[in-house]
C-alpha atoms as a PDB file:
ATOM      1  CA  MET A   1       0.000   0.000   0.000  1.00  0.00           C
ATOM      2  CA  LYS A   2       1.370   3.358  -1.046  1.00  0.00           C
ATOM      3  CA  LYS A   3       2.202   5.639   1.848  1.00  0.00           C
ATOM      4  CA  ARG A   4       0.103   8.795   1.815  1.00  0.00           C
ATOM      5  CA  SER A   5       1.681  12.193   2.222  1.00  0.00           C
ATOM      6  CA  LEU A   6       1.003  14.449   5.180  1.00  0.00           C
ATOM      7  CA  LEU A   7      -0.911  16.836   2.914  1.00  0.00           C
ATOM      8  CA  HIS A   8      -3.264  14.068   1.757  1.00  0.00           C
ATOM      9  CA  SER A   9      -3.889  13.014   5.362  1.00  0.00           C
ATOM     10  CA  LEU A  10      -4.643  16.608   6.298  1.00  0.00           C
ATOM     11  CA  ASN A  11      -7.063  16.919   3.378  1.00  0.00           C
ATOM     12  CA  ASP A  12      -8.843  13.738   4.504  1.00  0.00           C
ATOM     13  CA  ALA A  13      -9.202  15.101   8.033  1.00  0.00           C
ATOM     14  CA  VAL A  14     -10.618  18.400   6.772  1.00  0.00           C
ATOM     15  CA  ASP A  15     -13.011  16.517   4.471  1.00  0.00           C
ATOM     16  CA  GLY A  16     -14.197  14.520   7.473  1.00  0.00           C
ATOM     17  CA  PHE A  17     -14.882  17.665   9.473  1.00  0.00           C
ATOM     18  CA  ILE A  18     -16.733  19.248   6.542  1.00  0.00           C
ATOM     19  CA  TYR A  19     -18.830  16.082   6.193  1.00  0.00           C
ATOM     20  CA  VAL A  20     -19.892  16.227   9.844  1.00  0.00           C
ATOM     21  CA  VAL A  21     -20.775  19.933   9.638  1.00  0.00           C
ATOM     22  CA  ARG A  22     -22.661  19.434   6.381  1.00  0.00           C
ATOM     23  CA  TYR A  23     -24.742  16.398   7.322  1.00  0.00           C
ATOM     24  CA  GLU A  24     -25.050  16.529  11.125  1.00  0.00           C
ATOM     25  CA  ARG A  25     -27.518  19.115  12.431  1.00  0.00           C
ATOM     26  CA  ASN A  26     -26.169  19.003  15.981  1.00  0.00           C
ATOM     27  CA  MET A  27     -22.651  19.699  14.756  1.00  0.00           C
ATOM     28  CA  ARG A  28     -23.925  22.770  12.928  1.00  0.00           C
ATOM     29  CA  ILE A  29     -25.542  23.933  16.166  1.00  0.00           C
ATOM     30  CA  HIS A  30     -22.302  23.389  18.103  1.00  0.00           C
ATOM     31  CA  PHE A  31     -20.312  25.115  15.375  1.00  0.00           C
ATOM     32  CA  PHE A  32     -22.615  28.148  15.357  1.00  0.00           C
ATOM     33  CA  LEU A  33     -22.638  28.465  19.154  1.00  0.00           C
ATOM     34  CA  GLY A  34     -18.876  27.984  19.300  1.00  0.00           C
ATOM     35  CA  PHE A  35     -18.412  30.752  16.747  1.00  0.00           C
ATOM     36  CA  LEU A  36     -20.618  33.096  18.792  1.00  0.00           C
ATOM     37  CA  VAL A  37     -18.694  32.248  21.964  1.00  0.00           C
ATOM     38  CA  LEU A  38     -15.372  33.039  20.286  1.00  0.00           C
ATOM     39  CA  LEU A  39     -16.719  36.356  18.990  1.00  0.00           C
ATOM     40  CA  LEU A  40     -17.942  37.180  22.482  1.00  0.00           C
ATOM     41  CA  GLY A  41     -14.501  36.355  23.852  1.00  0.00           C
ATOM     42  CA  VAL A  42     -12.891  38.767  21.396  1.00  0.00           C
ATOM     43  CA  TYR A  43     -15.397  41.464  22.322  1.00  0.00           C
ATOM     44  CA  LEU A  44     -14.788  41.060  26.067  1.00  0.00           C
ATOM     45  CA  GLY A  45     -11.006  40.841  25.719  1.00  0.00           C
ATOM     46  CA  LEU A  46     -10.374  37.553  27.505  1.00  0.00           C
ATOM     47  CA  SER A  47      -7.005  36.832  29.052  1.00  0.00           C
ATOM     48  CA  GLN A  48      -4.587  34.305  27.558  1.00  0.00           C
ATOM     49  CA  LEU A  49      -5.444  31.683  30.176  1.00  0.00           C
ATOM     50  CA  GLU A  50      -9.172  32.196  29.612  1.00  0.00           C
ATOM     51  CA  TRP A  51      -8.659  31.717  25.877  1.00  0.00           C
ATOM     52  CA  VAL A  52      -6.772  28.475  26.490  1.00  0.00           C
ATOM     53  CA  VAL A  53      -9.563  27.096  28.679  1.00  0.00           C
ATOM     54  CA  LEU A  54     -12.339  28.304  26.370  1.00  0.00           C
ATOM     55  CA  CYS A  55     -10.758  26.921  23.189  1.00  0.00           C
ATOM     56  CA  THR A  56     -10.078  23.620  24.951  1.00  0.00           C
ATOM     57  CA  VAL A  57     -13.690  23.044  25.994  1.00  0.00           C
ATOM     58  CA  VAL A  58     -15.086  24.197  22.624  1.00  0.00           C
ATOM     59  CA  GLY A  59     -12.650  21.960  20.764  1.00  0.00           C
ATOM     60  CA  PHE A  60     -13.553  19.076  23.078  1.00  0.00           C
ATOM     61  CA  VAL A  61     -17.252  19.421  22.187  1.00  0.00           C
ATOM     62  CA  PHE A  62     -16.386  19.450  18.472  1.00  0.00           C
ATOM     63  CA  ALA A  63     -14.186  16.371  18.874  1.00  0.00           C
ATOM     64  CA  MET A  64     -16.882  14.486  20.802  1.00  0.00           C
ATOM     65  CA  GLU A  65     -19.460  15.271  18.114  1.00  0.00           C
ATOM     66  CA  VAL A  66     -17.093  14.051  15.376  1.00  0.00           C
ATOM     67  CA  PHE A  67     -16.375  10.874  17.359  1.00  0.00           C
ATOM     68  CA  ASN A  68     -20.097  10.344  17.930  1.00  0.00           C
ATOM     69  CA  THR A  69     -20.813  10.660  14.202  1.00  0.00           C
ATOM     70  CA  ALA A  70     -18.047   8.186  13.336  1.00  0.00           C
ATOM     71  CA  LEU A  71     -19.380   5.705  15.897  1.00  0.00           C
ATOM     72  CA  GLU A  72     -22.915   6.008  14.517  1.00  0.00           C
ATOM     73  CA  GLU A  73     -21.674   5.386  10.973  1.00  0.00           C
ATOM     74  CA  ILE A  74     -19.752   2.290  12.094  1.00  0.00           C
ATOM     75  CA  THR A  75     -22.671   0.807  14.034  1.00  0.00           C
ATOM     76  CA  ASP A  76     -25.059   1.399  11.117  1.00  0.00           C
ATOM     77  CA  LEU A  77     -22.586  -0.332   8.815  1.00  0.00           C
ATOM     78  CA  VAL A  78     -22.088  -3.364  11.050  1.00  0.00           C
ATOM     79  CA  LYS A  79     -25.639  -3.895  12.316  1.00  0.00           C
ATOM     80  CA  ASP A  80     -29.177  -2.782  11.669  1.00  0.00           C
ATOM     81  CA  SER A  81     -29.910   0.571  13.339  1.00  0.00           C
ATOM     82  CA  ALA A  82     -32.968  -0.962  15.052  1.00  0.00           C
ATOM     83  CA  HIS A  83     -30.829  -3.489  16.931  1.00  0.00           C
ATOM     84  CA  PRO A  84     -30.970  -2.926  20.739  1.00  0.00           C
ATOM     85  CA  GLN A  85     -27.179  -2.877  21.090  1.00  0.00           C
ATOM     86  CA  VAL A  86     -26.856  -0.288  18.329  1.00  0.00           C
ATOM     87  CA  ARG A  87     -29.423   1.890  20.083  1.00  0.00           C
ATOM     88  CA  ILE A  88     -27.523   1.630  23.377  1.00  0.00           C
ATOM     89  CA  ILE A  89     -24.216   2.517  21.703  1.00  0.00           C
ATOM     90  CA  LYS A  90     -25.759   5.562  20.049  1.00  0.00           C
ATOM     91  CA  HIS A  91     -27.397   6.731  23.272  1.00  0.00           C
ATOM     92  CA  VAL A  92     -24.166   6.353  25.244  1.00  0.00           C
ATOM     93  CA  SER A  93     -22.127   8.224  22.638  1.00  0.00           C
ATOM     94  CA  ALA A  94     -24.785  10.957  22.554  1.00  0.00           C
ATOM     95  CA  ALA A  95     -24.533  11.170  26.349  1.00  0.00           C
ATOM     96  CA  ALA A  96     -20.795  11.787  25.996  1.00  0.00           C
ATOM     97  CA  VAL A  97     -21.510  14.740  23.700  1.00  0.00           C
ATOM     98  CA  LEU A  98     -24.110  16.075  26.139  1.00  0.00           C
ATOM     99  CA  ILE A  99     -21.651  15.858  29.049  1.00  0.00           C
ATOM    100  CA  GLY A 100     -19.069  17.749  27.009  1.00  0.00           C
ATOM    101  CA  ALA A 101     -21.618  20.415  26.058  1.00  0.00           C
ATOM    102  CA  LEU A 102     -22.773  20.864  29.664  1.00  0.00           C
ATOM    103  CA  ASN A 103     -19.157  21.111  30.792  1.00  0.00           C
ATOM    104  CA  ALA A 104     -18.530  23.789  28.149  1.00  0.00           C
ATOM    105  CA  LEU A 105     -21.620  25.661  29.343  1.00  0.00           C
ATOM    106  CA  VAL A 106     -20.405  25.684  32.956  1.00  0.00           C
ATOM    107  CA  VAL A 107     -16.883  26.744  31.978  1.00  0.00           C
ATOM    108  CA  GLY A 108     -18.260  29.482  29.723  1.00  0.00           C
ATOM    109  CA  PHE A 109     -20.468  30.721  32.543  1.00  0.00           C
ATOM    110  CA  LEU A 110     -17.517  30.901  34.947  1.00  0.00           C
ATOM    111  CA  ILE A 111     -15.356  32.751  32.420  1.00  0.00           C
ATOM    112  CA  PHE A 112     -17.873  35.248  31.051  1.00  0.00           C
ATOM    113  CA  SER A 113     -19.528  36.019  34.387  1.00  0.00           C
ATOM    114  CA  LYS A 114     -16.277  37.686  35.504  1.00  0.00           C
ATOM    115  CA  HIS A 115     -16.585  40.220  32.690  1.00  0.00           C
ATOM    116  CA  TRP A 116     -20.104  41.322  33.534  1.00  0.00           C
ATOM    117  CA  THR A 117     -21.438  43.123  36.552  1.00  0.00           C
ATOM    118  CA  TRP A 118     -23.279  40.143  37.915  1.00  0.00           C
ATOM    119  CA  PRO A 119     -26.637  41.526  39.128  1.00  0.00           C
ATOM    120  CA  LEU A 120     -27.091  39.235  42.119  1.00  0.00           C
ATOM    121  CA  GLU A 121     -28.835  41.850  44.232  1.00  0.00           C
ATOM    122  CA  ASN A 122     -31.149  42.961  41.426  1.00  0.00           C
ATOM    123  CA  MET A 123     -31.816  39.355  40.484  1.00  0.00           C
ATOM    124  CA  ALA A 124     -32.712  38.401  44.050  1.00  0.00           C
ATOM    125  CA  LEU A 125     -34.956  41.456  44.386  1.00  0.00           C
ATOM    126  CA  THR A 126     -36.738  40.675  41.123  1.00  0.00           C
ATOM    127  CA  LEU A 127     -37.299  37.048  42.031  1.00  0.00           C
ATOM    128  CA  LYS A 128     -38.560  38.054  45.462  1.00  0.00           C
ATOM    129  CA  HIS A 129     -41.323  40.184  43.937  1.00  0.00           C
ATOM    130  CA  THR A 130     -42.122  37.788  41.100  1.00  0.00           C
ATOM    131  CA  ASP A 131     -45.548  36.211  41.309  1.00  0.00           C
ATOM    132  CA  TRP A 132     -44.599  32.535  41.307  1.00  0.00           C
ATOM    133  CA  ASN A 133     -48.237  31.657  40.777  1.00  0.00           C
ATOM    134  CA  VAL A 134     -47.834  32.913  37.203  1.00  0.00           C
ATOM    135  CA  LEU A 135     -44.921  30.586  36.503  1.00  0.00           C
ATOM    136  CA  PHE A 136     -46.624  27.668  38.226  1.00  0.00           C
ATOM    137  CA  ALA A 137     -49.812  28.270  36.233  1.00  0.00           C
ATOM    138  CA  ALA A 138     -47.811  28.512  33.001  1.00  0.00           C
ATOM    139  CA  LEU A 139     -46.103  25.186  33.680  1.00  0.00           C
ATOM    140  CA  LEU A 140     -49.413  23.515  34.535  1.00  0.00           C
ATOM    141  CA  VAL A 141     -51.113  24.851  31.397  1.00  0.00           C
ATOM    142  CA  SER A 142     -48.156  23.836  29.216  1.00  0.00           C
ATOM    143  CA  VAL A 143     -48.079  20.294  30.613  1.00  0.00           C
ATOM    144  CA  PHE A 144     -51.871  20.011  30.292  1.00  0.00           C
ATOM    145  CA  LEU A 145     -51.781  21.104  26.645  1.00  0.00           C
ATOM    146  CA  VAL A 146     -48.911  18.726  25.873  1.00  0.00           C
ATOM    147  CA  ILE A 147     -50.693  15.717  27.392  1.00  0.00           C
ATOM    148  CA  SER A 148     -53.951  16.745  25.712  1.00  0.00           C
ATOM    149  CA  GLY A 149     -52.161  16.926  22.373  1.00  0.00           C
ATOM    150  CA  LYS A 150     -50.744  13.440  22.869  1.00  0.00           C
ATOM    151  CA  ALA A 151     -54.203  12.120  23.697  1.00  0.00           C
ATOM    152  CA  PHE A 152     -55.748  13.902  20.710  1.00  0.00           C
ATOM    153  CA  PHE A 153     -53.152  12.695  18.196  1.00  0.00           C
ATOM    154  CA  HIS A 154     -52.908   9.219  19.812  1.00  0.00           C
ATOM    155  CA  LYS A 155     -49.130   9.418  19.784  1.00  0.00           C
ATOM    156  CA  GLY A 156     -46.631   8.914  22.590  1.00  0.00           C
ATOM    157  CA  ARG A 157     -46.972   8.287  26.295  1.00  0.00           C
ATOM    158  CA  PRO A 158     -47.767  10.998  28.875  1.00  0.00           C
ATOM    159  CA  PHE A 159     -44.098  11.735  29.610  1.00  0.00           C
ATOM    160  CA  ARG A 160     -42.333  10.345  26.547  1.00  0.00           C
ATOM    161  CA  GLY A 161     -42.756  10.930  22.825  1.00  0.00           C
ATOM    162  CA  GLY A 162     -45.835  12.419  21.238  1.00  0.00           C
ATOM    163  CA  ALA A 163     -46.811  15.166  18.829  1.00  0.00           C
ATOM    164  CA  VAL A 164     -45.407  17.877  21.146  1.00  0.00           C
ATOM    165  CA  SER A 165     -42.272  17.664  23.287  1.00  0.00           C
ATOM    166  CA  GLY A 166     -43.212  18.212  26.931  1.00  0.00           C
ATOM    167  CA  HIS A 167     -39.580  18.609  27.999  1.00  0.00           C
ATOM    168  CA  SER A 168     -39.097  21.323  25.399  1.00  0.00           C
ATOM    169  CA  ALA A 169     -42.320  23.058  26.466  1.00  0.00           C
ATOM    170  CA  VAL A 170     -41.299  23.142  30.144  1.00  0.00           C
ATOM    171  CA  ALA A 171     -37.738  24.241  29.348  1.00  0.00           C
ATOM    172  CA  PHE A 172     -38.827  27.155  27.175  1.00  0.00           C
ATOM    173  CA  SER A 173     -41.596  28.071  29.599  1.00  0.00           C
ATOM    174  CA  LEU A 174     -38.914  28.534  32.257  1.00  0.00           C
ATOM    175  CA  TRP A 175     -36.798  30.505  29.783  1.00  0.00           C
ATOM    176  CA  ALA A 176     -39.747  32.789  29.044  1.00  0.00           C
ATOM    177  CA  ALA A 177     -40.162  33.398  32.789  1.00  0.00           C
ATOM    178  CA  VAL A 178     -36.491  34.369  33.023  1.00  0.00           C
ATOM    179  CA  LEU A 179     -36.885  36.591  29.957  1.00  0.00           C
ATOM    180  CA  PHE A 180     -39.768  38.515  31.540  1.00  0.00           C
ATOM    181  CA  THR A 181     -38.214  38.852  34.999  1.00  0.00           C
ATOM    182  CA  GLN A 182     -34.507  39.427  34.346  1.00  0.00           C
ATOM    183  CA  SER A 183     -32.839  42.441  32.769  1.00  0.00           C
ATOM    184  CA  SER A 184     -29.411  40.810  32.379  1.00  0.00           C
ATOM    185  CA  ILE A 185     -28.725  39.637  28.830  1.00  0.00           C
ATOM    186  CA  PHE A 186     -26.252  37.093  30.185  1.00  0.00           C
ATOM    187  CA  VAL A 187     -28.842  35.483  32.477  1.00  0.00           C
ATOM    188  CA  VAL A 188     -31.395  35.330  29.658  1.00  0.00           C
ATOM    189  CA  ALA A 189     -28.825  33.863  27.245  1.00  0.00           C
ATOM    190  CA  ALA A 190     -27.691  31.248  29.776  1.00  0.00           C
ATOM    191  CA  ALA A 191     -31.303  30.202  30.405  1.00  0.00           C
ATOM    192  CA  PHE A 192     -31.894  29.949  26.652  1.00  0.00           C
ATOM    193  CA  LEU A 193     -28.838  27.734  26.193  1.00  0.00           C
ATOM    194  CA  LEU A 194     -30.056  25.420  28.946  1.00  0.00           C
ATOM    195  CA  ALA A 195     -33.492  25.208  27.308  1.00  0.00           C
ATOM    196  CA  ALA A 196     -31.855  24.544  23.934  1.00  0.00           C
ATOM    197  CA  LEU A 197     -29.771  21.737  25.458  1.00  0.00           C
ATOM    198  CA  VAL A 198     -32.938  20.122  26.813  1.00  0.00           C
ATOM    199  CA  ALA A 199     -34.550  20.331  23.373  1.00  0.00           C
ATOM    200  CA  GLN A 200     -31.413  18.982  21.711  1.00  0.00           C
ATOM    201  CA  SER A 201     -31.329  15.996  24.069  1.00  0.00           C
ATOM    202  CA  ARG A 202     -34.805  14.977  22.852  1.00  0.00           C
ATOM    203  CA  LEU A 203     -33.610  15.160  19.261  1.00  0.00           C
ATOM    204  CA  ARG A 204     -30.396  13.307  19.994  1.00  0.00           C
ATOM    205  CA  ALA A 205     -32.261  10.468  21.697  1.00  0.00           C
ATOM    206  CA  LYS A 206     -34.675  10.414  18.722  1.00  0.00           C
ATOM    207  CA  ILE A 207     -37.644  10.653  21.061  1.00  0.00           C
ATOM    208  CA  HIS A 208     -39.028  13.620  19.128  1.00  0.00           C
ATOM    209  CA  SER A 209     -38.634  15.080  15.666  1.00  0.00           C
ATOM    210  CA  PHE A 210     -37.459  18.649  15.109  1.00  0.00           C
ATOM    211  CA  ARG A 211     -41.046  19.730  14.425  1.00  0.00           C
ATOM    212  CA  GLU A 212     -42.265  18.222  17.710  1.00  0.00           C
ATOM    213  CA  VAL A 213     -39.464  19.852  19.703  1.00  0.00           C
ATOM    214  CA  LEU A 214     -40.122  23.199  18.015  1.00  0.00           C
ATOM    215  CA  ALA A 215     -43.847  22.870  18.717  1.00  0.00           C
ATOM    216  CA  GLY A 216     -43.113  22.275  22.406  1.00  0.00           C
ATOM    217  CA  ALA A 217     -40.766  25.265  22.580  1.00  0.00           C
ATOM    218  CA  VAL A 218     -43.292  27.586  20.924  1.00  0.00           C
ATOM    219  CA  LEU A 219     -46.110  26.273  23.118  1.00  0.00           C
ATOM    220  CA  GLY A 220     -44.204  26.738  26.377  1.00  0.00           C
ATOM    221  CA  PHE A 221     -43.032  30.220  25.427  1.00  0.00           C
ATOM    222  CA  LEU A 222     -46.412  31.480  24.196  1.00  0.00           C
ATOM    223  CA  VAL A 223     -48.347  30.150  27.197  1.00  0.00           C
ATOM    224  CA  THR A 224     -45.921  31.741  29.656  1.00  0.00           C
ATOM    225  CA  ALA A 225     -45.778  35.029  27.740  1.00  0.00           C
ATOM    226  CA  LEU A 226     -49.576  35.203  27.559  1.00  0.00           C
ATOM    227  CA  LEU A 227     -50.048  34.527  31.276  1.00  0.00           C
ATOM    228  CA  PHE A 228     -47.390  37.058  32.251  1.00  0.00           C
ATOM    229  CA  GLN A 229     -49.117  39.688  30.107  1.00  0.00           C
ATOM    230  CA  ILE A 230     -52.526  38.876  31.599  1.00  0.00           C
ATOM    231  CA  PHE A 231     -51.302  38.982  35.203  1.00  0.00           C
ATOM    232  CA  GLN A 232     -49.295  42.153  34.639  1.00  0.00           C
ATOM    233  CA  ARG A 233     -52.310  43.927  33.169  1.00  0.00           C
ATOM    234  CA  GLY A 234     -54.442  42.709  36.053  1.00  0.00           C
ATOM    235  CA  SER A 235     -51.958  44.008  38.617  1.00  0.00           C
ATOM    236  CA  ASN A 236     -51.838  47.426  36.921  1.00  0.00           C
ATOM    237  CA  VAL A 237     -55.606  47.893  37.019  1.00  0.00           C
END
């Protein structure tokens, strides 16, 4: 076998990365978020050590996603994708990506929070005067609508699967509550990333389709936004 040059090996590696970005939706999400994080780092003027840590965790998430894609391709080639062992392998490899993404989220929070005036006092004061009945009612209505939708469409179990993702609805309902009660862009963005990770986990586990996850996110957000508007108008009367 003819020995390949270093340039050919490098081209193969780049082709592999392009393939993952082109055909894997989750990799495109990671790539987009990673790009935004790097731009934010440039804007805030991170230190050299902070750049080292940030690039390490972002690169680790990329590497885990590439490894996960390669493992999925191998398992599909060797066995039928419906085989129980193949499903377990895919779920475990997806869990590795999720752990890496959560780790990156925590590290990013610790790094970027130092460059903002963290509004702990304002946040505590806002939460103290927030009517938690509104949030509780929004969560109850969202869950009720999700379960009703599953019963209506005869798809999924009460807490798994179905026409609308309940996890996504609850996650984005909580994000909407943060959006309406917090003035810090960083807090709102962090809550959104957490909600997006919840939605992504449902896609990764193939419990819901993208349309079902999106429907849950829109449902949770709209219900919470509507109830906050109603209660705010009632309190101003």
